All heavy atoms as atom14 arrays in JSON, in Angstrom:
{
  "sequence": "TLAFGDLIEKDKTVVDEASEILGGNVTHMNAHGSRLDKYRKRSWGTTG",
  "atom14_mask": [
    [1, 1, 1, 1, 1, 1, 1, 0, 0, 0, 0, 0, 0, 0],
    [1, 1, 1, 1, 1, 1, 1, 1, 0, 0, 0, 0, 0, 0],
    [1, 1, 1, 1, 1, 0, 0, 0, 0, 0, 0, 0, 0, 0],
    [1, 1, 1, 1, 1, 1, 1, 1, 1, 1, 1, 0, 0, 0],
    [1, 1, 1, 1, 0, 0, 0, 0, 0, 0, 0, 0, 0, 0],
    [1, 1, 1, 1, 1, 1, 1, 1, 0, 0, 0, 0, 0, 0],
    [1, 1, 1, 1, 1, 1, 1, 1, 0, 0, 0, 0, 0, 0],
    [1, 1, 1, 1, 1, 1, 1, 1, 0, 0, 0, 0, 0, 0],
    [1, 1, 1, 1, 1, 1, 1, 1, 1, 0, 0, 0, 0, 0],
    [1, 1, 1, 1, 1, 1, 1, 1, 1, 0, 0, 0, 0, 0],
    [1, 1, 1, 1, 1, 1, 1, 1, 0, 0, 0, 0, 0, 0],
    [1, 1, 1, 1, 1, 1, 1, 1, 1, 0, 0, 0, 0, 0],
    [1, 1, 1, 1, 1, 1, 1, 0, 0, 0, 0, 0, 0, 0],
    [1, 1, 1, 1, 1, 1, 1, 0, 0, 0, 0, 0, 0, 0],
    [1, 1, 1, 1, 1, 1, 1, 0, 0, 0, 0, 0, 0, 0],
    [1, 1, 1, 1, 1, 1, 1, 1, 0, 0, 0, 0, 0, 0],
    [1, 1, 1, 1, 1, 1, 1, 1, 1, 0, 0, 0, 0, 0],
    [1, 1, 1, 1, 1, 0, 0, 0, 0, 0, 0, 0, 0, 0],
    [1, 1, 1, 1, 1, 1, 0, 0, 0, 0, 0, 0, 0, 0],
    [1, 1, 1, 1, 1, 1, 1, 1, 1, 0, 0, 0, 0, 0],
    [1, 1, 1, 1, 1, 1, 1, 1, 0, 0, 0, 0, 0, 0],
    [1, 1, 1, 1, 1, 1, 1, 1, 0, 0, 0, 0, 0, 0],
    [1, 1, 1, 1, 0, 0, 0, 0, 0, 0, 0, 0, 0, 0],
    [1, 1, 1, 1, 0, 0, 0, 0, 0, 0, 0, 0, 0, 0],
    [1, 1, 1, 1, 1, 1, 1, 1, 0, 0, 0, 0, 0, 0],
    [1, 1, 1, 1, 1, 1, 1, 0, 0, 0, 0, 0, 0, 0],
    [1, 1, 1, 1, 1, 1, 1, 0, 0, 0, 0, 0, 0, 0],
    [1, 1, 1, 1, 1, 1, 1, 1, 1, 1, 0, 0, 0, 0],
    [1, 1, 1, 1, 1, 1, 1, 1, 0, 0, 0, 0, 0, 0],
    [1, 1, 1, 1, 1, 1, 1, 1, 0, 0, 0, 0, 0, 0],
    [1, 1, 1, 1, 1, 0, 0, 0, 0, 0, 0, 0, 0, 0],
    [1, 1, 1, 1, 1, 1, 1, 1, 1, 1, 0, 0, 0, 0],
    [1, 1, 1, 1, 0, 0, 0, 0, 0, 0, 0, 0, 0, 0],
    [1, 1, 1, 1, 1, 1, 0, 0, 0, 0, 0, 0, 0, 0],
    [1, 1, 1, 1, 1, 1, 1, 1, 1, 1, 1, 0, 0, 0],
    [1, 1, 1, 1, 1, 1, 1, 1, 0, 0, 0, 0, 0, 0],
    [1, 1, 1, 1, 1, 1, 1, 1, 0, 0, 0, 0, 0, 0],
    [1, 1, 1, 1, 1, 1, 1, 1, 1, 0, 0, 0, 0, 0],
    [1, 1, 1, 1, 1, 1, 1, 1, 1, 1, 1, 1, 0, 0],
    [1, 1, 1, 1, 1, 1, 1, 1, 1, 1, 1, 0, 0, 0],
    [1, 1, 1, 1, 1, 1, 1, 1, 1, 0, 0, 0, 0, 0],
    [1, 1, 1, 1, 1, 1, 1, 1, 1, 1, 1, 0, 0, 0],
    [1, 1, 1, 1, 1, 1, 0, 0, 0, 0, 0, 0, 0, 0],
    [1, 1, 1, 1, 1, 1, 1, 1, 1, 1, 1, 1, 1, 1],
    [1, 1, 1, 1, 0, 0, 0, 0, 0, 0, 0, 0, 0, 0],
    [1, 1, 1, 1, 1, 1, 1, 0, 0, 0, 0, 0, 0, 0],
    [1, 1, 1, 1, 1, 1, 1, 0, 0, 0, 0, 0, 0, 0],
    [1, 1, 1, 1, 0, 0, 0, 0, 0, 0, 0, 0, 0, 0]
  ],
  "atom14_positions": [
    [[0.83, -1.2, 0.0], [0.0, 0.0, 0.0], [0.86, 1.25, 0.0], [0.58, 2.21, -0.74], [-0.93, 0.0, 1.23], [-1.71, -1.19, 1.23], [-1.84, 1.2, 1.24], [0.0, 0.0, 0.0], [0.0, 0.0, 0.0], [0.0, 0.0, 0.0], [0.0, 0.0, 0.0], [0.0, 0.0, 0.0], [0.0, 0.0, 0.0], [0.0, 0.0, 0.0]],
    [[1.93, 1.26, 0.8], [2.83, 2.42, 0.82], [3.54, 2.59, -0.52], [3.68, 3.72, -1.02], [3.85, 2.27, 1.95], [3.28, 2.36, 3.38], [4.37, 2.06, 4.39], [2.67, 3.72, 3.62], [0.0, 0.0, 0.0], [0.0, 0.0, 0.0], [0.0, 0.0, 0.0], [0.0, 0.0, 0.0], [0.0, 0.0, 0.0], [0.0, 0.0, 0.0]],
    [[3.97, 1.48, -1.11], [4.63, 1.56, -2.42], [3.66, 2.07, -3.48], [4.02, 2.91, -4.32], [5.19, 0.19, -2.82], [0.0, 0.0, 0.0], [0.0, 0.0, 0.0], [0.0, 0.0, 0.0], [0.0, 0.0, 0.0], [0.0, 0.0, 0.0], [0.0, 0.0, 0.0], [0.0, 0.0, 0.0], [0.0, 0.0, 0.0], [0.0, 0.0, 0.0]],
    [[2.42, 1.59, -3.43], [1.41, 2.03, -4.38], [1.12, 3.52, -4.2], [0.96, 4.26, -5.17], [0.13, 1.21, -4.2], [-0.93, 1.49, -5.21], [-0.75, 1.18, -6.54], [-2.12, 2.08, -4.82], [-1.74, 1.44, -7.46], [-3.11, 2.35, -5.74], [-2.92, 2.03, -7.06], [0.0, 0.0, 0.0], [0.0, 0.0, 0.0], [0.0, 0.0, 0.0]],
    [[1.06, 3.97, -2.95], [0.86, 5.39, -2.67], [1.98, 6.24, -3.23], [1.75, 7.32, -3.79], [0.0, 0.0, 0.0], [0.0, 0.0, 0.0], [0.0, 0.0, 0.0], [0.0, 0.0, 0.0], [0.0, 0.0, 0.0], [0.0, 0.0, 0.0], [0.0, 0.0, 0.0], [0.0, 0.0, 0.0], [0.0, 0.0, 0.0], [0.0, 0.0, 0.0]],
    [[3.22, 5.77, -3.08], [4.36, 6.5, -3.64], [4.29, 6.58, -5.16], [4.57, 7.63, -5.76], [5.68, 5.83, -3.23], [5.97, 5.99, -1.74], [5.4, 6.91, -1.12], [6.78, 5.19, -1.22], [0.0, 0.0, 0.0], [0.0, 0.0, 0.0], [0.0, 0.0, 0.0], [0.0, 0.0, 0.0], [0.0, 0.0, 0.0], [0.0, 0.0, 0.0]],
    [[3.91, 5.46, -5.79], [3.77, 5.46, -7.24], [2.68, 6.43, -7.69], [2.84, 7.14, -8.69], [3.45, 4.06, -7.75], [4.62, 3.08, -7.78], [4.14, 1.69, -8.18], [5.69, 3.56, -8.72], [0.0, 0.0, 0.0], [0.0, 0.0, 0.0], [0.0, 0.0, 0.0], [0.0, 0.0, 0.0], [0.0, 0.0, 0.0], [0.0, 0.0, 0.0]],
    [[1.6, 6.47, -6.95], [0.51, 7.39, -7.31], [0.97, 8.83, -7.17], [0.64, 9.69, -8.0], [-0.74, 7.1, -6.45], [-1.39, 5.8, -6.92], [-1.73, 8.24, -6.52], [-2.58, 5.37, -6.12], [0.0, 0.0, 0.0], [0.0, 0.0, 0.0], [0.0, 0.0, 0.0], [0.0, 0.0, 0.0], [0.0, 0.0, 0.0], [0.0, 0.0, 0.0]],
    [[1.74, 9.13, -6.13], [2.26, 10.49, -5.96], [3.19, 10.87, -7.11], [3.13, 11.98, -7.63], [3.01, 10.62, -4.62], [2.11, 10.65, -3.41], [1.19, 11.86, -3.41], [1.65, 12.96, -3.79], [0.03, 11.69, -3.02], [0.0, 0.0, 0.0], [0.0, 0.0, 0.0], [0.0, 0.0, 0.0], [0.0, 0.0, 0.0], [0.0, 0.0, 0.0]],
    [[4.06, 9.93, -7.52], [4.96, 10.21, -8.65], [4.15, 10.44, -9.93], [4.44, 11.35, -10.7], [5.93, 9.05, -8.85], [6.99, 8.96, -7.77], [7.88, 7.75, -7.99], [8.86, 7.58, -6.84], [9.67, 6.36, -7.0], [0.0, 0.0, 0.0], [0.0, 0.0, 0.0], [0.0, 0.0, 0.0], [0.0, 0.0, 0.0], [0.0, 0.0, 0.0]],
    [[3.14, 9.59, -10.14], [2.31, 9.75, -11.33], [1.55, 11.07, -11.28], [1.34, 11.71, -12.31], [1.33, 8.58, -11.46], [1.99, 7.3, -11.89], [3.16, 7.36, -12.33], [1.36, 6.23, -11.79], [0.0, 0.0, 0.0], [0.0, 0.0, 0.0], [0.0, 0.0, 0.0], [0.0, 0.0, 0.0], [0.0, 0.0, 0.0], [0.0, 0.0, 0.0]],
    [[1.14, 11.47, -10.1], [0.42, 12.74, -9.97], [1.32, 13.91, -10.35], [0.88, 14.83, -11.04], [-0.08, 12.92, -8.54], [-0.89, 14.17, -8.33], [-1.37, 14.3, -6.9], [-2.08, 15.62, -6.71], [-2.37, 15.89, -5.32], [0.0, 0.0, 0.0], [0.0, 0.0, 0.0], [0.0, 0.0, 0.0], [0.0, 0.0, 0.0], [0.0, 0.0, 0.0]],
    [[2.58, 13.86, -9.93], [3.5, 14.94, -10.31], [3.73, 14.94, -11.82], [3.79, 16.01, -12.43], [4.84, 14.82, -9.57], [5.42, 13.54, -9.85], [4.67, 14.99, -8.07], [0.0, 0.0, 0.0], [0.0, 0.0, 0.0], [0.0, 0.0, 0.0], [0.0, 0.0, 0.0], [0.0, 0.0, 0.0], [0.0, 0.0, 0.0], [0.0, 0.0, 0.0]],
    [[3.85, 13.77, -12.41], [4.04, 13.69, -13.87], [2.81, 14.26, -14.59], [2.93, 15.02, -15.56], [4.31, 12.23, -14.31], [4.23, 12.08, -15.81], [5.67, 11.77, -13.81], [0.0, 0.0, 0.0], [0.0, 0.0, 0.0], [0.0, 0.0, 0.0], [0.0, 0.0, 0.0], [0.0, 0.0, 0.0], [0.0, 0.0, 0.0], [0.0, 0.0, 0.0]],
    [[1.63, 13.91, -14.11], [0.4, 14.4, -14.74], [0.29, 15.91, -14.57], [-0.11, 16.63, -15.49], [-0.84, 13.68, -14.14], [-2.13, 14.37, -14.53], [-0.87, 12.23, -14.6], [0.0, 0.0, 0.0], [0.0, 0.0, 0.0], [0.0, 0.0, 0.0], [0.0, 0.0, 0.0], [0.0, 0.0, 0.0], [0.0, 0.0, 0.0], [0.0, 0.0, 0.0]],
    [[0.66, 16.43, -13.4], [0.62, 17.87, -13.18], [1.59, 18.6, -14.11], [1.26, 19.64, -14.68], [0.94, 18.2, -11.72], [-0.17, 17.81, -10.77], [-1.31, 17.62, -11.25], [0.1, 17.68, -9.55], [0.0, 0.0, 0.0], [0.0, 0.0, 0.0], [0.0, 0.0, 0.0], [0.0, 0.0, 0.0], [0.0, 0.0, 0.0], [0.0, 0.0, 0.0]],
    [[2.8, 18.06, -14.26], [3.77, 18.67, -15.17], [3.26, 18.65, -16.61], [3.38, 19.64, -17.34], [5.1, 17.94, -15.08], [5.85, 18.16, -13.78], [7.08, 17.27, -13.66], [7.35, 16.48, -14.59], [7.76, 17.36, -12.62], [0.0, 0.0, 0.0], [0.0, 0.0, 0.0], [0.0, 0.0, 0.0], [0.0, 0.0, 0.0], [0.0, 0.0, 0.0]],
    [[2.68, 17.52, -17.01], [2.15, 17.42, -18.37], [0.99, 18.41, -18.57], [0.85, 19.0, -19.64], [1.69, 15.99, -18.66], [0.0, 0.0, 0.0], [0.0, 0.0, 0.0], [0.0, 0.0, 0.0], [0.0, 0.0, 0.0], [0.0, 0.0, 0.0], [0.0, 0.0, 0.0], [0.0, 0.0, 0.0], [0.0, 0.0, 0.0], [0.0, 0.0, 0.0]],
    [[0.19, 18.58, -17.54], [-0.92, 19.52, -17.62], [-0.42, 20.95, -17.79], [-0.97, 21.72, -18.58], [-1.78, 19.41, -16.36], [-2.8, 20.36, -16.36], [0.0, 0.0, 0.0], [0.0, 0.0, 0.0], [0.0, 0.0, 0.0], [0.0, 0.0, 0.0], [0.0, 0.0, 0.0], [0.0, 0.0, 0.0], [0.0, 0.0, 0.0], [0.0, 0.0, 0.0]],
    [[0.62, 21.3, -17.06], [1.19, 22.64, -17.2], [1.76, 22.85, -18.61], [1.58, 23.9, -19.22], [2.28, 22.86, -16.17], [1.78, 22.98, -14.74], [2.9, 23.08, -13.73], [4.07, 23.28, -14.14], [2.61, 22.97, -12.53], [0.0, 0.0, 0.0], [0.0, 0.0, 0.0], [0.0, 0.0, 0.0], [0.0, 0.0, 0.0], [0.0, 0.0, 0.0]],
    [[2.46, 21.85, -19.11], [3.04, 21.95, -20.45], [1.94, 22.08, -21.5], [2.02, 22.9, -22.41], [3.96, 20.73, -20.74], [5.2, 20.81, -19.86], [4.33, 20.67, -22.2], [6.04, 19.55, -19.89], [0.0, 0.0, 0.0], [0.0, 0.0, 0.0], [0.0, 0.0, 0.0], [0.0, 0.0, 0.0], [0.0, 0.0, 0.0], [0.0, 0.0, 0.0]],
    [[0.89, 21.28, -21.35], [-0.21, 21.35, -22.31], [-0.93, 22.7, -22.23], [-1.36, 23.24, -23.25], [-1.21, 20.22, -22.06], [-0.74, 18.84, -22.5], [-1.75, 17.78, -22.09], [-0.53, 18.8, -24.0], [0.0, 0.0, 0.0], [0.0, 0.0, 0.0], [0.0, 0.0, 0.0], [0.0, 0.0, 0.0], [0.0, 0.0, 0.0], [0.0, 0.0, 0.0]],
    [[-1.05, 23.25, -21.02], [-1.65, 24.57, -20.89], [-0.84, 25.62, -21.62], [-1.39, 26.5, -22.3], [0.0, 0.0, 0.0], [0.0, 0.0, 0.0], [0.0, 0.0, 0.0], [0.0, 0.0, 0.0], [0.0, 0.0, 0.0], [0.0, 0.0, 0.0], [0.0, 0.0, 0.0], [0.0, 0.0, 0.0], [0.0, 0.0, 0.0], [0.0, 0.0, 0.0]],
    [[0.49, 25.54, -21.49], [1.36, 26.46, -22.24], [1.22, 26.27, -23.74], [1.21, 27.24, -24.5], [0.0, 0.0, 0.0], [0.0, 0.0, 0.0], [0.0, 0.0, 0.0], [0.0, 0.0, 0.0], [0.0, 0.0, 0.0], [0.0, 0.0, 0.0], [0.0, 0.0, 0.0], [0.0, 0.0, 0.0], [0.0, 0.0, 0.0], [0.0, 0.0, 0.0]],
    [[1.11, 25.01, -24.17], [0.96, 24.75, -25.6], [-0.35, 25.32, -26.13], [-0.4, 25.8, -27.26], [1.02, 23.24, -25.87], [2.42, 22.7, -25.78], [3.38, 23.46, -25.76], [2.54, 21.39, -25.73], [0.0, 0.0, 0.0], [0.0, 0.0, 0.0], [0.0, 0.0, 0.0], [0.0, 0.0, 0.0], [0.0, 0.0, 0.0], [0.0, 0.0, 0.0]],
    [[-1.39, 25.26, -25.33], [-2.68, 25.79, -25.78], [-2.59, 27.3, -26.0], [-3.09, 27.81, -27.0], [-3.79, 25.44, -24.75], [-5.05, 26.24, -25.0], [-4.11, 23.96, -24.8], [0.0, 0.0, 0.0], [0.0, 0.0, 0.0], [0.0, 0.0, 0.0], [0.0, 0.0, 0.0], [0.0, 0.0, 0.0], [0.0, 0.0, 0.0], [0.0, 0.0, 0.0]],
    [[-1.94, 27.98, -25.07], [-1.81, 29.44, -25.25], [-0.97, 29.77, -26.48], [-1.31, 30.68, -27.24], [-1.2, 30.09, -24.0], [0.07, 29.49, -23.71], [-2.11, 29.95, -22.81], [0.0, 0.0, 0.0], [0.0, 0.0, 0.0], [0.0, 0.0, 0.0], [0.0, 0.0, 0.0], [0.0, 0.0, 0.0], [0.0, 0.0, 0.0], [0.0, 0.0, 0.0]],
    [[0.11, 29.02, -26.7], [0.93, 29.24, -27.89], [0.14, 28.94, -29.17], [0.24, 29.69, -30.15], [2.2, 28.39, -27.86], [3.22, 28.87, -26.88], [3.89, 30.06, -27.03], [3.68, 28.32, -25.73], [4.72, 30.23, -26.02], [4.6, 29.19, -25.21], [0.0, 0.0, 0.0], [0.0, 0.0, 0.0], [0.0, 0.0, 0.0], [0.0, 0.0, 0.0]],
    [[-0.61, 27.87, -29.15], [-1.4, 27.51, -30.33], [-2.47, 28.56, -30.62], [-2.72, 28.88, -31.79], [-2.05, 26.14, -30.14], [-1.07, 24.98, -30.14], [-0.16, 24.83, -31.67], [-1.42, 24.2, -32.73], [0.0, 0.0, 0.0], [0.0, 0.0, 0.0], [0.0, 0.0, 0.0], [0.0, 0.0, 0.0], [0.0, 0.0, 0.0], [0.0, 0.0, 0.0]],
    [[-3.09, 29.1, -29.59], [-4.08, 30.15, -29.81], [-3.43, 31.4, -30.4], [-3.98, 32.03, -31.31], [-4.79, 30.5, -28.49], [-5.76, 29.41, -28.07], [-6.22, 28.63, -28.9], [-6.07, 29.35, -26.8], [0.0, 0.0, 0.0], [0.0, 0.0, 0.0], [0.0, 0.0, 0.0], [0.0, 0.0, 0.0], [0.0, 0.0, 0.0], [0.0, 0.0, 0.0]],
    [[-2.26, 31.77, -29.89], [-1.56, 32.94, -30.42], [-1.16, 32.73, -31.88], [-1.39, 33.6, -32.73], [-0.32, 33.24, -29.58], [0.0, 0.0, 0.0], [0.0, 0.0, 0.0], [0.0, 0.0, 0.0], [0.0, 0.0, 0.0], [0.0, 0.0, 0.0], [0.0, 0.0, 0.0], [0.0, 0.0, 0.0], [0.0, 0.0, 0.0], [0.0, 0.0, 0.0]],
    [[-0.59, 31.58, -32.18], [-0.17, 31.29, -33.55], [-1.38, 31.14, -34.46], [-1.33, 31.51, -35.64], [0.7, 30.05, -33.61], [2.05, 30.23, -32.99], [2.95, 31.16, -33.45], [2.65, 29.62, -31.94], [4.05, 31.11, -32.72], [3.88, 30.18, -31.79], [0.0, 0.0, 0.0], [0.0, 0.0, 0.0], [0.0, 0.0, 0.0], [0.0, 0.0, 0.0]],
    [[-2.47, 30.6, -33.94], [-3.69, 30.47, -34.74], [-4.24, 31.82, -35.15], [-4.68, 32.0, -36.3], [0.0, 0.0, 0.0], [0.0, 0.0, 0.0], [0.0, 0.0, 0.0], [0.0, 0.0, 0.0], [0.0, 0.0, 0.0], [0.0, 0.0, 0.0], [0.0, 0.0, 0.0], [0.0, 0.0, 0.0], [0.0, 0.0, 0.0], [0.0, 0.0, 0.0]],
    [[-4.22, 32.78, -34.23], [-4.71, 34.11, -34.59], [-3.78, 34.78, -35.61], [-4.25, 35.45, -36.54], [-4.86, 34.99, -33.34], [-3.6, 35.22, -32.75], [0.0, 0.0, 0.0], [0.0, 0.0, 0.0], [0.0, 0.0, 0.0], [0.0, 0.0, 0.0], [0.0, 0.0, 0.0], [0.0, 0.0, 0.0], [0.0, 0.0, 0.0], [0.0, 0.0, 0.0]],
    [[-2.47, 34.57, -35.46], [-1.53, 35.12, -36.45], [-1.75, 34.49, -37.82], [-1.73, 35.19, -38.85], [-0.1, 34.87, -35.99], [0.34, 35.81, -34.89], [1.75, 35.59, -34.43], [2.7, 35.36, -35.51], [3.79, 34.64, -35.39], [4.09, 34.08, -34.22], [4.61, 34.47, -36.4], [0.0, 0.0, 0.0], [0.0, 0.0, 0.0], [0.0, 0.0, 0.0]],
    [[-1.97, 33.17, -37.85], [-2.21, 32.5, -39.13], [-3.52, 32.96, -39.75], [-3.63, 33.06, -40.98], [-2.23, 30.99, -38.94], [-0.87, 30.33, -38.82], [-1.03, 28.85, -38.47], [-0.1, 30.46, -40.11], [0.0, 0.0, 0.0], [0.0, 0.0, 0.0], [0.0, 0.0, 0.0], [0.0, 0.0, 0.0], [0.0, 0.0, 0.0], [0.0, 0.0, 0.0]],
    [[-4.52, 33.23, -38.94], [-5.8, 33.7, -39.45], [-5.63, 35.06, -40.12], [-6.17, 35.3, -41.21], [-6.83, 33.77, -38.32], [-8.23, 33.94, -38.84], [-8.55, 33.34, -39.88], [-9.01, 34.67, -38.18], [0.0, 0.0, 0.0], [0.0, 0.0, 0.0], [0.0, 0.0, 0.0], [0.0, 0.0, 0.0], [0.0, 0.0, 0.0], [0.0, 0.0, 0.0]],
    [[-4.87, 35.95, -39.48], [-4.6, 37.26, -40.08], [-3.84, 37.11, -41.39], [-4.15, 37.77, -42.39], [-3.79, 38.13, -39.12], [-4.57, 38.59, -37.91], [-3.67, 39.37, -36.97], [-4.38, 39.71, -35.67], [-3.48, 40.38, -34.71], [0.0, 0.0, 0.0], [0.0, 0.0, 0.0], [0.0, 0.0, 0.0], [0.0, 0.0, 0.0], [0.0, 0.0, 0.0]],
    [[-2.84, 36.23, -41.4], [-2.05, 36.01, -42.61], [-2.92, 35.43, -43.72], [-2.8, 35.83, -44.89], [-0.89, 35.07, -42.32], [-0.1, 34.72, -43.54], [0.76, 35.64, -44.13], [-0.23, 33.47, -44.13], [1.48, 35.33, -45.27], [0.48, 33.15, -45.27], [1.33, 34.07, -45.83], [2.02, 33.76, -46.96], [0.0, 0.0, 0.0], [0.0, 0.0, 0.0]],
    [[-3.81, 34.51, -43.37], [-4.68, 33.9, -44.38], [-5.6, 34.95, -45.0], [-5.81, 34.97, -46.21], [-5.52, 32.79, -43.74], [-6.43, 32.07, -44.72], [-7.35, 31.1, -44.02], [-8.12, 31.7, -42.97], [-9.29, 32.33, -43.13], [-9.79, 32.46, -44.34], [-9.93, 32.84, -42.1], [0.0, 0.0, 0.0], [0.0, 0.0, 0.0], [0.0, 0.0, 0.0]],
    [[-6.12, 35.83, -44.17], [-7.0, 36.88, -44.7], [-6.23, 37.8, -45.64], [-6.73, 38.18, -46.7], [-7.62, 37.68, -43.56], [-8.68, 36.91, -42.81], [-9.22, 37.71, -41.65], [-10.24, 36.89, -40.86], [-10.71, 37.6, -39.68], [0.0, 0.0, 0.0], [0.0, 0.0, 0.0], [0.0, 0.0, 0.0], [0.0, 0.0, 0.0], [0.0, 0.0, 0.0]],
    [[-5.01, 38.16, -45.24], [-4.2, 39.02, -46.09], [-3.8, 38.31, -47.38], [-3.85, 38.88, -48.47], [-2.94, 39.45, -45.35], [-2.99, 40.9, -44.94], [-1.67, 41.37, -44.4], [-1.33, 40.65, -43.17], [-0.12, 40.23, -42.87], [0.88, 40.48, -43.66], [0.1, 39.58, -41.75], [0.0, 0.0, 0.0], [0.0, 0.0, 0.0], [0.0, 0.0, 0.0]],
    [[-3.39, 37.05, -47.24], [-2.92, 36.33, -48.43], [-4.08, 36.02, -49.37], [-3.88, 35.96, -50.58], [-2.2, 35.05, -48.02], [-3.12, 34.12, -47.5], [0.0, 0.0, 0.0], [0.0, 0.0, 0.0], [0.0, 0.0, 0.0], [0.0, 0.0, 0.0], [0.0, 0.0, 0.0], [0.0, 0.0, 0.0], [0.0, 0.0, 0.0], [0.0, 0.0, 0.0]],
    [[-5.28, 35.82, -48.86], [-6.41, 35.54, -49.73], [-6.72, 36.78, -50.59], [-7.07, 36.67, -51.76], [-7.64, 35.13, -48.94], [-8.79, 34.83, -49.84], [-9.92, 35.54, -49.97], [-8.89, 33.76, -50.76], [-10.73, 34.98, -50.9], [-10.13, 33.88, -51.41], [-8.05, 32.72, -51.12], [-10.54, 32.99, -52.39], [-8.47, 31.83, -52.08], [-9.7, 31.97, -52.71]],
    [[-6.53, 37.96, -50.01], [-6.74, 39.18, -50.79], [-5.75, 39.27, -51.93], [-6.12, 39.59, -53.07], [0.0, 0.0, 0.0], [0.0, 0.0, 0.0], [0.0, 0.0, 0.0], [0.0, 0.0, 0.0], [0.0, 0.0, 0.0], [0.0, 0.0, 0.0], [0.0, 0.0, 0.0], [0.0, 0.0, 0.0], [0.0, 0.0, 0.0], [0.0, 0.0, 0.0]],
    [[-4.49, 38.99, -51.68], [-3.49, 39.06, -52.75], [-3.7, 37.92, -53.75], [-3.5, 38.11, -54.95], [-2.07, 39.0, -52.19], [-1.91, 37.82, -51.42], [-1.78, 40.22, -51.33], [0.0, 0.0, 0.0], [0.0, 0.0, 0.0], [0.0, 0.0, 0.0], [0.0, 0.0, 0.0], [0.0, 0.0, 0.0], [0.0, 0.0, 0.0], [0.0, 0.0, 0.0]],
    [[-4.12, 36.76, -53.28], [-4.38, 35.64, -54.19], [-5.56, 35.97, -55.08], [-5.53, 35.7, -56.3], [-4.66, 34.35, -53.39], [-3.56, 34.09, -52.54], [-4.88, 33.17, -54.3], [0.0, 0.0, 0.0], [0.0, 0.0, 0.0], [0.0, 0.0, 0.0], [0.0, 0.0, 0.0], [0.0, 0.0, 0.0], [0.0, 0.0, 0.0], [0.0, 0.0, 0.0]],
    [[-6.59, 36.57, -54.5], [-7.75, 36.96, -55.3], [-7.38, 37.99, -56.36], [-7.83, 37.91, -57.51], [0.0, 0.0, 0.0], [0.0, 0.0, 0.0], [0.0, 0.0, 0.0], [0.0, 0.0, 0.0], [0.0, 0.0, 0.0], [0.0, 0.0, 0.0], [0.0, 0.0, 0.0], [0.0, 0.0, 0.0], [0.0, 0.0, 0.0], [0.0, 0.0, 0.0]]
  ]
}
């Protein structure tokens, strides 16, 4: 039971770290998505 508890704590820290990294990725993806949307609108005008 103690060993299982330790493993769960380690897994919890790994999951928390992954959650933080994914949260950062979401913000970066949203920023890049808005930049790409602006570029697409501009490029569609020149393509047209």
